[in-house]
Amino acid sequence: MATRTAVIDQIYDDIRDKILKNEYIPGSKLSENSLSVDYNCSRTPVREAIKRLEQDGFVTVLPQSGSYVKELTLKDYQHIAEIRTYL
């Protein structure tokens, strides 16, 4: 059985990859309810993954509104590429 952290990491990685591949287009809303159904888990790990995505600049969370895919600039993509190269 996967640990809670592993589940959050997997959800984070998957959503991040989908954002980078434009499967989730900039400005689109990420529904915790829908994502929890997609990943067959409670909303808590989805919420934690979204918090990390916000910290890393992939998502904007607006109080009383929801989570939205952030529009990435060319500078953002360059920064991401530098981080990936470093890792």
C-alpha atoms as a PDB file:
ATOM      1  CA  MET A   1       0.000   0.000   0.000  1.00  0.00           C
ATOM      2  CA  ALA A   2       1.361   3.427  -0.945  1.00  0.00           C
ATOM      3  CA  THR A   3       2.132   5.920   1.757  1.00  0.00           C
ATOM      4  CA  ARG A   4       0.218   9.175   1.968  1.00  0.00           C
ATOM      5  CA  THR A   5       3.285  11.120   0.839  1.00  0.00           C
ATOM      6  CA  ALA A   6       3.769   8.819  -2.158  1.00  0.00           C
ATOM      7  CA  VAL A   7       0.140   9.350  -3.191  1.00  0.00           C
ATOM      8  CA  ILE A   8       0.510  13.136  -2.929  1.00  0.00           C
ATOM      9  CA  ASP A   9       3.782  12.995  -4.892  1.00  0.00           C
ATOM     10  CA  GLN A  10       2.145  10.935  -7.648  1.00  0.00           C
ATOM     11  CA  ILE A  11      -0.828  13.295  -7.923  1.00  0.00           C
ATOM     12  CA  TYR A  12       1.514  16.320  -7.924  1.00  0.00           C
ATOM     13  CA  ASP A  13       3.733  14.810 -10.637  1.00  0.00           C
ATOM     14  CA  ASP A  14       0.780  13.819 -12.807  1.00  0.00           C
ATOM     15  CA  ILE A  15      -0.985  17.198 -12.606  1.00  0.00           C
ATOM     16  CA  ARG A  16       2.302  19.056 -13.161  1.00  0.00           C
ATOM     17  CA  ASP A  17       3.052  16.944 -16.241  1.00  0.00           C
ATOM     18  CA  LYS A  18      -0.437  17.544 -17.611  1.00  0.00           C
ATOM     19  CA  ILE A  19      -0.007  21.294 -17.095  1.00  0.00           C
ATOM     20  CA  LEU A  20       3.350  21.249 -18.878  1.00  0.00           C
ATOM     21  CA  LYS A  21       1.860  19.244 -21.766  1.00  0.00           C
ATOM     22  CA  ASN A  22      -1.114  21.673 -21.943  1.00  0.00           C
ATOM     23  CA  GLU A  23      -3.575  18.906 -21.133  1.00  0.00           C
ATOM     24  CA  TYR A  24      -4.809  21.345 -18.473  1.00  0.00           C
ATOM     25  CA  ILE A  25      -4.881  24.632 -20.303  1.00  0.00           C
ATOM     26  CA  PRO A  26      -3.838  27.893 -18.607  1.00  0.00           C
ATOM     27  CA  GLY A  27      -6.727  29.497 -16.778  1.00  0.00           C
ATOM     28  CA  SER A  28      -8.696  26.273 -16.412  1.00  0.00           C
ATOM     29  CA  LYS A  29     -10.129  25.380 -13.022  1.00  0.00           C
ATOM     30  CA  LEU A  30      -8.876  22.319 -11.154  1.00  0.00           C
ATOM     31  CA  SER A  31     -11.746  20.761  -9.236  1.00  0.00           C
ATOM     32  CA  GLU A  32     -10.702  18.922  -6.070  1.00  0.00           C
ATOM     33  CA  ASN A  33     -13.826  16.790  -6.316  1.00  0.00           C
ATOM     34  CA  SER A  34     -13.196  15.733  -9.920  1.00  0.00           C
ATOM     35  CA  LEU A  35      -9.501  15.101  -9.307  1.00  0.00           C
ATOM     36  CA  SER A  36     -10.232  13.007  -6.217  1.00  0.00           C
ATOM     37  CA  VAL A  37     -12.529  10.825  -8.346  1.00  0.00           C
ATOM     38  CA  ASP A  38      -9.901  10.615 -11.120  1.00  0.00           C
ATOM     39  CA  TYR A  39      -7.208   9.518  -8.641  1.00  0.00           C
ATOM     40  CA  ASN A  40      -9.557   7.366  -6.559  1.00  0.00           C
ATOM     41  CA  CYS A  41      -8.672   9.111  -3.292  1.00  0.00           C
ATOM     42  CA  SER A  42     -10.090  11.610  -0.839  1.00  0.00           C
ATOM     43  CA  ARG A  43      -9.809  15.344  -1.452  1.00  0.00           C
ATOM     44  CA  THR A  44      -7.024  15.706   1.131  1.00  0.00           C
ATOM     45  CA  PRO A  45      -4.120  14.366  -0.995  1.00  0.00           C
ATOM     46  CA  VAL A  46      -5.428  16.342  -3.981  1.00  0.00           C
ATOM     47  CA  ARG A  47      -5.543  19.485  -1.852  1.00  0.00           C
ATOM     48  CA  GLU A  48      -1.976  18.874  -0.655  1.00  0.00           C
ATOM     49  CA  ALA A  49      -0.757  18.344  -4.225  1.00  0.00           C
ATOM     50  CA  ILE A  50      -2.472  21.571  -5.319  1.00  0.00           C
ATOM     51  CA  LYS A  51      -0.775  23.454  -2.462  1.00  0.00           C
ATOM     52  CA  ARG A  52       2.595  22.214  -3.715  1.00  0.00           C
ATOM     53  CA  LEU A  53       1.707  23.140  -7.286  1.00  0.00           C
ATOM     54  CA  GLU A  54       0.847  26.632  -6.067  1.00  0.00           C
ATOM     55  CA  GLN A  55       4.155  26.913  -4.197  1.00  0.00           C
ATOM     56  CA  ASP A  56       6.003  25.841  -7.346  1.00  0.00           C
ATOM     57  CA  GLY A  57       4.142  28.369  -9.495  1.00  0.00           C
ATOM     58  CA  PHE A  58       1.975  26.044 -11.582  1.00  0.00           C
ATOM     59  CA  VAL A  59      -1.376  26.882  -9.982  1.00  0.00           C
ATOM     60  CA  THR A  60      -3.059  29.964  -8.568  1.00  0.00           C
ATOM     61  CA  VAL A  61      -5.457  29.418  -5.655  1.00  0.00           C
ATOM     62  CA  LEU A  62      -8.110  32.087  -5.239  1.00  0.00           C
ATOM     63  CA  PRO A  63      -9.997  32.113  -1.914  1.00  0.00           C
ATOM     64  CA  GLN A  64     -13.715  31.414  -2.253  1.00  0.00           C
ATOM     65  CA  SER A  65     -13.187  30.588  -5.940  1.00  0.00           C
ATOM     66  CA  GLY A  66     -10.866  27.629  -6.469  1.00  0.00           C
ATOM     67  CA  SER A  67      -7.602  26.547  -8.044  1.00  0.00           C
ATOM     68  CA  TYR A  68      -6.629  27.564 -11.558  1.00  0.00           C
ATOM     69  CA  VAL A  69      -3.797  26.592 -13.879  1.00  0.00           C
ATOM     70  CA  LYS A  70      -1.374  29.508 -14.002  1.00  0.00           C
ATOM     71  CA  GLU A  71      -0.327  30.915 -17.330  1.00  0.00           C
ATOM     72  CA  LEU A  72       3.385  30.229 -17.658  1.00  0.00           C
ATOM     73  CA  THR A  73       5.643  32.738 -19.364  1.00  0.00           C
ATOM     74  CA  LEU A  74       8.742  31.938 -21.398  1.00  0.00           C
ATOM     75  CA  LYS A  75      10.808  32.905 -18.349  1.00  0.00           C
ATOM     76  CA  ASP A  76       8.838  30.393 -16.237  1.00  0.00           C
ATOM     77  CA  TYR A  77       9.555  27.615 -18.760  1.00  0.00           C
ATOM     78  CA  GLN A  78      13.254  28.515 -18.778  1.00  0.00           C
ATOM     79  CA  HIS A  79      13.321  28.392 -14.982  1.00  0.00           C
ATOM     80  CA  ILE A  80      11.610  24.997 -14.981  1.00  0.00           C
ATOM     81  CA  ALA A  81      14.095  23.690 -17.540  1.00  0.00           C
ATOM     82  CA  GLU A  82      17.004  24.916 -15.393  1.00  0.00           C
ATOM     83  CA  ILE A  83      15.596  23.184 -12.315  1.00  0.00           C
ATOM     84  CA  ARG A  84      15.058  19.932 -14.227  1.00  0.00           C
ATOM     85  CA  THR A  85      18.628  20.103 -15.545  1.00  0.00           C
ATOM     86  CA  TYR A  86      19.957  20.690 -12.052  1.00  0.00           C
ATOM     87  CA  LEU A  87      17.978  17.766 -10.630  1.00  0.00           C
END
